[in-house]
């Protein structure tokens, strides 16, 4: 497992990227950074190695005196709203000094495999059919007010209680979620945008953390070529070479 640098950002929404052969790829646009290094964690002092990042300016009316003093000590003029730690290898800590500003193009490039951490959309209080994909009861004659119930939840005498973690109705969503092994399709340095292949957890304008994948995997986007498609479909090629109309006897 390798630890790589990451940055905080805001999810904008989904769009498409078109290849040269005309095929489309669904991507998520994320406004990443700029982030400021406001602290470092070392193995000697803290027991682990990490970099603490700050993101987005905090209005002066919401700032506290202890928080303002913390950022002033780190060399940051204005307090920041969000703070997150990103684990790194001990030998990588020297690259990031306190007070350094990091942008998207300095950390990510096209083809990188990343993990995106965000908070999923909150769905409120939901039943077992929507929350856990249960089938429900039969919708036929004789079923009375039991169409969307979850069924039995206990075991009578033994153990005489409800098991921990039993799937029941309750609050759905609004939990921390990580989408792993996503691929960076494109980095727009002038707009601080990162286009990530596929979907990212959370709503639009939701806070996300993009960091290098913890798995040693390699995934690259290989657009389909028109010639390869024609070679794999001999039926299309035979239709193109066939004469128009049937032969007369």
C-alpha atoms as a PDB file:
ATOM      1  CA  UNK A   1       0.000   0.000   0.000  1.00  0.00           C
ATOM      2  CA  UNK A   2       1.380   3.382  -1.011  1.00  0.00           C
ATOM      3  CA  UNK A   3       0.296   6.731   0.418  1.00  0.00           C
ATOM      4  CA  UNK A   4      -0.031   9.643  -1.989  1.00  0.00           C
ATOM      5  CA  UNK A   5      -0.911  13.344  -1.750  1.00  0.00           C
ATOM      6  CA  UNK A   6      -4.472  14.649  -2.000  1.00  0.00           C
ATOM      7  CA  UNK A   7      -6.429  17.905  -2.099  1.00  0.00           C
ATOM      8  CA  UNK A   8      -9.803  19.208  -0.964  1.00  0.00           C
ATOM      9  CA  UNK A   9     -12.394  20.450  -3.422  1.00  0.00           C
ATOM     10  CA  UNK A  10     -16.042  20.932  -4.294  1.00  0.00           C
ATOM     11  CA  UNK A  11     -18.047  18.615  -6.532  1.00  0.00           C
ATOM     12  CA  UNK A  12     -19.609  20.595  -9.400  1.00  0.00           C
ATOM     13  CA  UNK A  13     -21.520  17.926 -11.299  1.00  0.00           C
ATOM     14  CA  UNK A  14     -21.279  15.417 -14.135  1.00  0.00           C
ATOM     15  CA  UNK A  15     -20.525  16.039 -17.795  1.00  0.00           C
ATOM     16  CA  UNK A  16     -19.048  14.230 -20.793  1.00  0.00           C
ATOM     17  CA  UNK A  17     -15.650  14.033 -22.437  1.00  0.00           C
ATOM     18  CA  UNK A  18     -15.494  13.023 -26.104  1.00  0.00           C
ATOM     19  CA  UNK A  19     -12.674  10.966 -27.620  1.00  0.00           C
ATOM     20  CA  UNK A  20     -11.262  11.481 -31.096  1.00  0.00           C
ATOM     21  CA  UNK A  21     -13.384   8.646 -32.496  1.00  0.00           C
ATOM     22  CA  UNK A  22     -16.577  10.276 -31.168  1.00  0.00           C
ATOM     23  CA  UNK A  23     -17.179   8.009 -28.175  1.00  0.00           C
ATOM     24  CA  UNK A  24     -18.307   9.738 -24.960  1.00  0.00           C
ATOM     25  CA  UNK A  25     -17.148   9.165 -21.404  1.00  0.00           C
ATOM     26  CA  UNK A  26     -19.086  10.237 -18.296  1.00  0.00           C
ATOM     27  CA  UNK A  27     -16.939  12.261 -15.885  1.00  0.00           C
ATOM     28  CA  UNK A  28     -17.422  14.284 -12.699  1.00  0.00           C
ATOM     29  CA  UNK A  29     -16.042  17.827 -12.560  1.00  0.00           C
ATOM     30  CA  UNK A  30     -14.456  18.737  -9.224  1.00  0.00           C
ATOM     31  CA  UNK A  31     -13.178  22.223  -8.352  1.00  0.00           C
ATOM     32  CA  UNK A  32      -9.971  21.340  -6.502  1.00  0.00           C
ATOM     33  CA  UNK A  33      -7.966  23.692  -4.276  1.00  0.00           C
ATOM     34  CA  UNK A  34      -6.058  25.779  -3.874  1.00  0.00           C
ATOM     35  CA  UNK A  35      -5.181  24.246  -0.515  1.00  0.00           C
ATOM     36  CA  UNK A  36      -2.707  25.523   2.067  1.00  0.00           C
ATOM     37  CA  UNK A  37      -0.417  23.343   4.163  1.00  0.00           C
ATOM     38  CA  UNK A  38      -1.164  24.473   7.723  1.00  0.00           C
ATOM     39  CA  UNK A  39       0.501  21.671   9.674  1.00  0.00           C
ATOM     40  CA  UNK A  40       2.554  18.473   9.569  1.00  0.00           C
ATOM     41  CA  UNK A  41       2.449  15.262  11.569  1.00  0.00           C
ATOM     42  CA  UNK A  42       5.717  13.391  12.110  1.00  0.00           C
ATOM     43  CA  UNK A  43       6.273   9.826  13.378  1.00  0.00           C
ATOM     44  CA  UNK A  44       8.602  11.005  16.154  1.00  0.00           C
ATOM     45  CA  UNK A  45       6.121  13.438  17.697  1.00  0.00           C
ATOM     46  CA  UNK A  46       2.676  12.161  16.685  1.00  0.00           C
ATOM     47  CA  UNK A  47       3.263   8.514  15.819  1.00  0.00           C
ATOM     48  CA  UNK A  48       2.294   8.853  12.152  1.00  0.00           C
ATOM     49  CA  UNK A  49       3.154  11.009   9.133  1.00  0.00           C
ATOM     50  CA  UNK A  50       0.584  13.286   7.523  1.00  0.00           C
ATOM     51  CA  UNK A  51       0.010  16.751   6.100  1.00  0.00           C
ATOM     52  CA  UNK A  52      -2.801  18.997   7.357  1.00  0.00           C
ATOM     53  CA  UNK A  53      -4.521  20.978   4.596  1.00  0.00           C
ATOM     54  CA  UNK A  54      -6.751  24.047   4.813  1.00  0.00           C
ATOM     55  CA  UNK A  55      -9.400  24.909   2.227  1.00  0.00           C
ATOM     56  CA  UNK A  56     -11.689  27.927   1.604  1.00  0.00           C
ATOM     57  CA  UNK A  57     -11.517  31.202   3.493  1.00  0.00           C
ATOM     58  CA  UNK A  58     -13.613  31.564   6.626  1.00  0.00           C
ATOM     59  CA  UNK A  59     -15.593  34.819   7.100  1.00  0.00           C
ATOM     60  CA  UNK A  60     -14.098  37.052   9.785  1.00  0.00           C
ATOM     61  CA  UNK A  61     -17.351  37.071  11.762  1.00  0.00           C
ATOM     62  CA  UNK A  62     -17.145  33.281  12.177  1.00  0.00           C
ATOM     63  CA  UNK A  63     -13.480  33.168  13.164  1.00  0.00           C
ATOM     64  CA  UNK A  64     -12.435  32.466  16.750  1.00  0.00           C
ATOM     65  CA  UNK A  65      -9.373  33.793  18.571  1.00  0.00           C
ATOM     66  CA  UNK A  66      -7.776  30.329  19.051  1.00  0.00           C
ATOM     67  CA  UNK A  67      -8.386  29.489  15.391  1.00  0.00           C
ATOM     68  CA  UNK A  68      -7.007  32.810  14.168  1.00  0.00           C
ATOM     69  CA  UNK A  69      -3.887  32.301  16.302  1.00  0.00           C
ATOM     70  CA  UNK A  70      -3.397  28.801  14.858  1.00  0.00           C
ATOM     71  CA  UNK A  71      -3.480  30.031  11.255  1.00  0.00           C
ATOM     72  CA  UNK A  72      -1.311  33.060  12.078  1.00  0.00           C
ATOM     73  CA  UNK A  73       1.344  30.727  13.485  1.00  0.00           C
ATOM     74  CA  UNK A  74       1.196  28.700  10.260  1.00  0.00           C
ATOM     75  CA  UNK A  75       1.762  31.833   8.165  1.00  0.00           C
ATOM     76  CA  UNK A  76      -1.797  32.016   6.789  1.00  0.00           C
ATOM     77  CA  UNK A  77      -3.265  35.518   6.738  1.00  0.00           C
ATOM     78  CA  UNK A  78      -6.959  34.569   6.813  1.00  0.00           C
ATOM     79  CA  UNK A  79      -8.586  31.658   8.704  1.00  0.00           C
ATOM     80  CA  UNK A  80      -9.702  28.682   6.618  1.00  0.00           C
ATOM     81  CA  UNK A  81     -13.032  26.898   6.845  1.00  0.00           C
ATOM     82  CA  UNK A  82     -12.085  23.235   6.325  1.00  0.00           C
ATOM     83  CA  UNK A  83      -9.127  21.249   7.687  1.00  0.00           C
ATOM     84  CA  UNK A  84      -8.230  17.689   6.672  1.00  0.00           C
ATOM     85  CA  UNK A  85      -5.232  15.432   7.146  1.00  0.00           C
ATOM     86  CA  UNK A  86      -3.735  13.398   4.304  1.00  0.00           C
ATOM     87  CA  UNK A  87      -1.482  10.498   5.239  1.00  0.00           C
ATOM     88  CA  UNK A  88       1.913  10.418   3.511  1.00  0.00           C
ATOM     89  CA  UNK A  89       5.114   8.452   3.621  1.00  0.00           C
ATOM     90  CA  UNK A  90       7.658   9.932   6.086  1.00  0.00           C
ATOM     91  CA  UNK A  91      10.116  10.635   3.272  1.00  0.00           C
ATOM     92  CA  UNK A  92       7.494  12.697   1.420  1.00  0.00           C
ATOM     93  CA  UNK A  93       6.932  15.214   4.249  1.00  0.00           C
ATOM     94  CA  UNK A  94       9.953  17.322   3.303  1.00  0.00           C
ATOM     95  CA  UNK A  95       8.309  18.261  -0.007  1.00  0.00           C
ATOM     96  CA  UNK A  96       5.479  20.161   1.705  1.00  0.00           C
ATOM     97  CA  UNK A  97       6.464  23.049   3.964  1.00  0.00           C
ATOM     98  CA  UNK A  98       3.963  24.808   6.228  1.00  0.00           C
ATOM     99  CA  UNK A  99       2.370  27.732   4.387  1.00  0.00           C
ATOM    100  CA  UNK A 100       2.808  26.252   0.903  1.00  0.00           C
ATOM    101  CA  UNK A 101      -0.130  26.646  -1.495  1.00  0.00           C
ATOM    102  CA  UNK A 102      -0.988  23.566  -3.561  1.00  0.00           C
ATOM    103  CA  UNK A 103      -2.994  23.607  -6.784  1.00  0.00           C
ATOM    104  CA  UNK A 104      -4.623  20.835  -8.791  1.00  0.00           C
ATOM    105  CA  UNK A 105      -2.039  20.641 -11.590  1.00  0.00           C
ATOM    106  CA  UNK A 106       0.788  20.310  -9.031  1.00  0.00           C
ATOM    107  CA  UNK A 107      -0.660  17.135  -7.523  1.00  0.00           C
ATOM    108  CA  UNK A 108      -2.723  15.403 -10.223  1.00  0.00           C
ATOM    109  CA  UNK A 109      -2.222  14.548 -13.881  1.00  0.00           C
ATOM    110  CA  UNK A 110      -4.227  12.658 -16.473  1.00  0.00           C
ATOM    111  CA  UNK A 111      -4.123   8.904 -15.919  1.00  0.00           C
ATOM    112  CA  UNK A 112      -3.685   9.006 -12.140  1.00  0.00           C
ATOM    113  CA  UNK A 113      -5.717   6.501 -10.117  1.00  0.00           C
ATOM    114  CA  UNK A 114      -7.393   8.254  -7.172  1.00  0.00           C
ATOM    115  CA  UNK A 115      -9.835   7.707  -4.309  1.00  0.00           C
ATOM    116  CA  UNK A 116     -12.575  10.293  -3.717  1.00  0.00           C
ATOM    117  CA  UNK A 117     -13.955  10.694  -0.184  1.00  0.00           C
ATOM    118  CA  UNK A 118     -17.254  12.501   0.303  1.00  0.00           C
ATOM    119  CA  UNK A 119     -20.549  12.509   2.206  1.00  0.00           C
ATOM    120  CA  UNK A 120     -23.447  10.823   0.434  1.00  0.00           C
ATOM    121  CA  UNK A 121     -26.795  12.509  -0.155  1.00  0.00           C
ATOM    122  CA  UNK A 122     -29.169  12.357   2.782  1.00  0.00           C
ATOM    123  CA  UNK A 123     -32.467  10.582   2.005  1.00  0.00           C
ATOM    124  CA  UNK A 124     -34.148  11.046   5.383  1.00  0.00           C
ATOM    125  CA  UNK A 125     -36.072   8.267   7.158  1.00  0.00           C
ATOM    126  CA  UNK A 126     -36.736   5.413   4.733  1.00  0.00           C
ATOM    127  CA  UNK A 127     -38.274   1.941   4.885  1.00  0.00           C
ATOM    128  CA  UNK A 128     -36.570  -1.394   4.318  1.00  0.00           C
ATOM    129  CA  UNK A 129     -37.503  -1.625   0.634  1.00  0.00           C
ATOM    130  CA  UNK A 130     -35.696   1.565  -0.326  1.00  0.00           C
ATOM    131  CA  UNK A 131     -32.966   1.431   2.291  1.00  0.00           C
ATOM    132  CA  UNK A 132     -31.993  -2.250   2.017  1.00  0.00           C
ATOM    133  CA  UNK A 133     -33.560  -3.300  -1.316  1.00  0.00           C
ATOM    134  CA  UNK A 134     -35.936  -5.787   0.331  1.00  0.00           C
ATOM    135  CA  UNK A 135     -38.651  -7.320  -1.844  1.00  0.00           C
ATOM    136  CA  UNK A 136     -41.627  -6.773   0.455  1.00  0.00           C
ATOM    137  CA  UNK A 137     -44.633  -9.080   0.670  1.00  0.00           C
ATOM    138  CA  UNK A 138     -46.807 -10.339  -2.169  1.00  0.00           C
ATOM    139  CA  UNK A 139     -49.304  -7.872  -3.613  1.00  0.00           C
ATOM    140  CA  UNK A 140     -52.134 -10.399  -3.895  1.00  0.00           C
ATOM    141  CA  UNK A 141     -55.505 -11.215  -2.326  1.00  0.00           C
ATOM    142  CA  UNK A 142     -55.170 -11.913   1.390  1.00  0.00           C
ATOM    143  CA  UNK A 143     -52.205  -9.628   2.124  1.00  0.00           C
ATOM    144  CA  UNK A 144     -53.463  -7.027   4.557  1.00  0.00           C
ATOM    145  CA  UNK A 145     -51.380  -3.890   5.293  1.00  0.00           C
ATOM    146  CA  UNK A 146     -48.113  -5.820   4.987  1.00  0.00           C
ATOM    147  CA  UNK A 147     -46.922  -4.944   1.492  1.00  0.00           C
ATOM    148  CA  UNK A 148     -43.777  -2.977   2.442  1.00  0.00           C
ATOM    149  CA  UNK A 149     -42.968  -4.483   5.857  1.00  0.00           C
ATOM    150  CA  UNK A 150     -39.603  -5.962   6.755  1.00  0.00           C
ATOM    151  CA  UNK A 151     -40.841  -9.199   8.292  1.00  0.00           C
ATOM    152  CA  UNK A 152     -39.628 -10.860  11.481  1.00  0.00           C
ATOM    153  CA  UNK A 153     -36.765  -9.217  13.384  1.00  0.00           C
ATOM    154  CA  UNK A 154     -36.171 -11.714  16.235  1.00  0.00           C
ATOM    155  CA  UNK A 155     -35.718 -15.384  17.152  1.00  0.00           C
ATOM    156  CA  UNK A 156     -38.291 -16.047  19.920  1.00  0.00           C
ATOM    157  CA  UNK A 157     -36.693 -17.654  23.001  1.00  0.00           C
ATOM    158  CA  UNK A 158     -33.099 -17.868  21.770  1.00  0.00           C
ATOM    159  CA  UNK A 159     -31.509 -15.363  21.830  1.00  0.00           C
ATOM    160  CA  UNK A 160     -34.703 -13.494  22.765  1.00  0.00           C
ATOM    161  CA  UNK A 161     -33.519 -10.176  21.402  1.00  0.00           C
ATOM    162  CA  UNK A 162     -32.851  -8.346  18.131  1.00  0.00           C
ATOM    163  CA  UNK A 163     -29.404  -8.972  16.652  1.00  0.00           C
ATOM    164  CA  UNK A 164     -27.023  -6.073  16.434  1.00  0.00           C
ATOM    165  CA  UNK A 165     -26.944  -4.561  12.937  1.00  0.00           C
ATOM    166  CA  UNK A 166     -30.336  -5.953  11.918  1.00  0.00           C
ATOM    167  CA  UNK A 167     -31.491  -4.374   8.669  1.00  0.00           C
ATOM    168  CA  UNK A 168     -34.470  -2.199   9.538  1.00  0.00           C
ATOM    169  CA  UNK A 169     -35.958   1.137   8.591  1.00  0.00           C
ATOM    170  CA  UNK A 170     -34.075   4.288   9.594  1.00  0.00           C
ATOM    171  CA  UNK A 171     -32.072   7.261   8.366  1.00  0.00           C
ATOM    172  CA  UNK A 172     -30.633   6.673   4.901  1.00  0.00           C
ATOM    173  CA  UNK A 173     -27.568   8.361   3.439  1.00  0.00           C
ATOM    174  CA  UNK A 174     -25.570  11.284   4.863  1.00  0.00           C
ATOM    175  CA  UNK A 175     -22.602   9.022   5.657  1.00  0.00           C
ATOM    176  CA  UNK A 176     -18.928   9.138   4.731  1.00  0.00           C
ATOM    177  CA  UNK A 177     -18.227   7.174   1.558  1.00  0.00           C
ATOM    178  CA  UNK A 178     -15.133   6.495  -0.550  1.00  0.00           C
ATOM    179  CA  UNK A 179     -15.209   5.788  -4.287  1.00  0.00           C
ATOM    180  CA  UNK A 180     -11.950   3.963  -4.965  1.00  0.00           C
ATOM    181  CA  UNK A 181      -9.857   3.359  -8.074  1.00  0.00           C
ATOM    182  CA  UNK A 182     -11.223   6.247 -10.163  1.00  0.00           C
ATOM    183  CA  UNK A 183      -9.160   7.694 -13.013  1.00  0.00           C
ATOM    184  CA  UNK A 184      -8.251  11.330 -13.613  1.00  0.00           C
ATOM    185  CA  UNK A 185      -9.289  12.047 -17.210  1.00  0.00           C
ATOM    186  CA  UNK A 186      -8.163  15.665 -17.515  1.00  0.00           C
ATOM    187  CA  UNK A 187      -6.792  18.490 -15.367  1.00  0.00           C
ATOM    188  CA  UNK A 188      -7.748  22.077 -16.308  1.00  0.00           C
ATOM    189  CA  UNK A 189      -5.032  24.109 -14.600  1.00  0.00           C
ATOM    190  CA  UNK A 190      -6.424  27.537 -15.527  1.00  0.00           C
ATOM    191  CA  UNK A 191      -9.771  26.740 -13.877  1.00  0.00           C
ATOM    192  CA  UNK A 192      -8.514  24.457 -11.042  1.00  0.00           C
ATOM    193  CA  UNK A 193     -10.773  21.679 -12.328  1.00  0.00           C
ATOM    194  CA  UNK A 194     -10.179  17.929 -12.223  1.00  0.00           C
ATOM    195  CA  UNK A 195     -12.319  15.627 -14.381  1.00  0.00           C
ATOM    196  CA  UNK A 196     -12.672  12.192 -12.787  1.00  0.00           C
ATOM    197  CA  UNK A 197     -14.055   9.156 -14.600  1.00  0.00           C
ATOM    198  CA  UNK A 198     -17.407   7.997 -13.231  1.00  0.00           C
ATOM    199  CA  UNK A 199     -19.502   9.162 -10.291  1.00  0.00           C
ATOM    200  CA  UNK A 200     -18.365  10.797  -7.051  1.00  0.00           C
ATOM    201  CA  UNK A 201     -20.249  10.549  -3.717  1.00  0.00           C
ATOM    202  CA  UNK A 202     -22.223  13.551  -2.497  1.00  0.00           C
ATOM    203  CA  UNK A 203     -24.459  16.274  -3.925  1.00  0.00           C
ATOM    204  CA  UNK A 204     -23.421  19.167  -6.142  1.00  0.00           C
ATOM    205  CA  UNK A 205     -21.242  21.654  -4.250  1.00  0.00           C
ATOM    206  CA  UNK A 206     -20.430  18.928  -1.719  1.00  0.00           C
ATOM    207  CA  UNK A 207     -17.020  18.839  -0.054  1.00  0.00           C
ATOM    208  CA  UNK A 208     -14.760  16.018  -1.314  1.00  0.00           C
ATOM    209  CA  UNK A 209     -11.194  14.884  -0.781  1.00  0.00           C
ATOM    210  CA  UNK A 210      -9.292  13.548  -3.799  1.00  0.00           C
ATOM    211  CA  UNK A 211      -6.184  11.564  -2.940  1.00  0.00           C
ATOM    212  CA  UNK A 212      -3.990   8.963  -4.574  1.00  0.00           C
ATOM    213  CA  UNK A 213      -5.319   5.432  -4.544  1.00  0.00           C
ATOM    214  CA  UNK A 214      -4.081   3.287  -1.668  1.00  0.00           C
ATOM    215  CA  UNK A 215      -4.002   0.269  -3.982  1.00  0.00           C
ATOM    216  CA  UNK A 216      -1.158  -0.353  -6.400  1.00  0.00           C
ATOM    217  CA  UNK A 217      -3.383  -0.599  -9.474  1.00  0.00           C
ATOM    218  CA  UNK A 218      -3.030   0.734 -12.980  1.00  0.00           C
ATOM    219  CA  UNK A 219      -6.104   1.811 -14.917  1.00  0.00           C
ATOM    220  CA  UNK A 220      -5.849   3.796 -18.092  1.00  0.00           C
ATOM    221  CA  UNK A 221      -8.567   5.121 -20.357  1.00  0.00           C
ATOM    222  CA  UNK A 222      -8.244   3.485 -23.773  1.00  0.00           C
ATOM    223  CA  UNK A 223     -10.700   5.045 -26.246  1.00  0.00           C
ATOM    224  CA  UNK A 224     -12.218   2.685 -28.765  1.00  0.00           C
ATOM    225  CA  UNK A 225     -10.783   2.969 -32.254  1.00  0.00           C
ATOM    226  CA  UNK A 226     -13.051   2.792 -35.312  1.00  0.00           C
ATOM    227  CA  UNK A 227     -10.766   0.329 -37.126  1.00  0.00           C
ATOM    228  CA  UNK A 228     -10.754  -2.069 -34.177  1.00  0.00           C
ATOM    229  CA  UNK A 229     -14.548  -2.043 -34.020  1.00  0.00           C
ATOM    230  CA  UNK A 230     -14.850  -2.865 -37.734  1.00  0.00           C
ATOM    231  CA  UNK A 231     -12.309  -5.686 -37.459  1.00  0.00           C
ATOM    232  CA  UNK A 232     -14.221  -7.280 -34.561  1.00  0.00           C
ATOM    233  CA  UNK A 233     -17.530  -7.189 -36.465  1.00  0.00           C
ATOM    234  CA  UNK A 234     -17.066  -9.246 -39.670  1.00  0.00           C
ATOM    235  CA  UNK A 235     -20.819  -9.025 -40.384  1.00  0.00           C
ATOM    236  CA  UNK A 236     -20.557  -5.268 -40.974  1.00  0.00           C
ATOM    237  CA  UNK A 237     -17.552  -5.711 -43.245  1.00  0.00           C
ATOM    238  CA  UNK A 238     -19.308  -8.432 -45.277  1.00  0.00           C
ATOM    239  CA  UNK A 239     -22.378  -6.218 -45.726  1.00  0.00           C
ATOM    240  CA  UNK A 240     -20.215  -3.402 -47.064  1.00  0.00           C
ATOM    241  CA  UNK A 241     -18.572  -5.696 -49.655  1.00  0.00           C
ATOM    242  CA  UNK A 242     -21.769  -7.486 -50.726  1.00  0.00           C
ATOM    243  CA  UNK A 243     -23.333  -6.437 -54.078  1.00  0.00           C
ATOM    244  CA  UNK A 244     -26.594  -4.531 -54.024  1.00  0.00           C
ATOM    245  CA  UNK A 245     -29.615  -6.697 -54.917  1.00  0.00           C
ATOM    246  CA  UNK A 246     -29.852 -10.468 -55.435  1.00  0.00           C
ATOM    247  CA  UNK A 247     -28.469 -12.363 -58.434  1.00  0.00           C
ATOM    248  CA  UNK A 248     -30.986 -13.305 -61.151  1.00  0.00           C
ATOM    249  CA  UNK A 249     -31.214 -16.933 -62.286  1.00  0.00           C
END
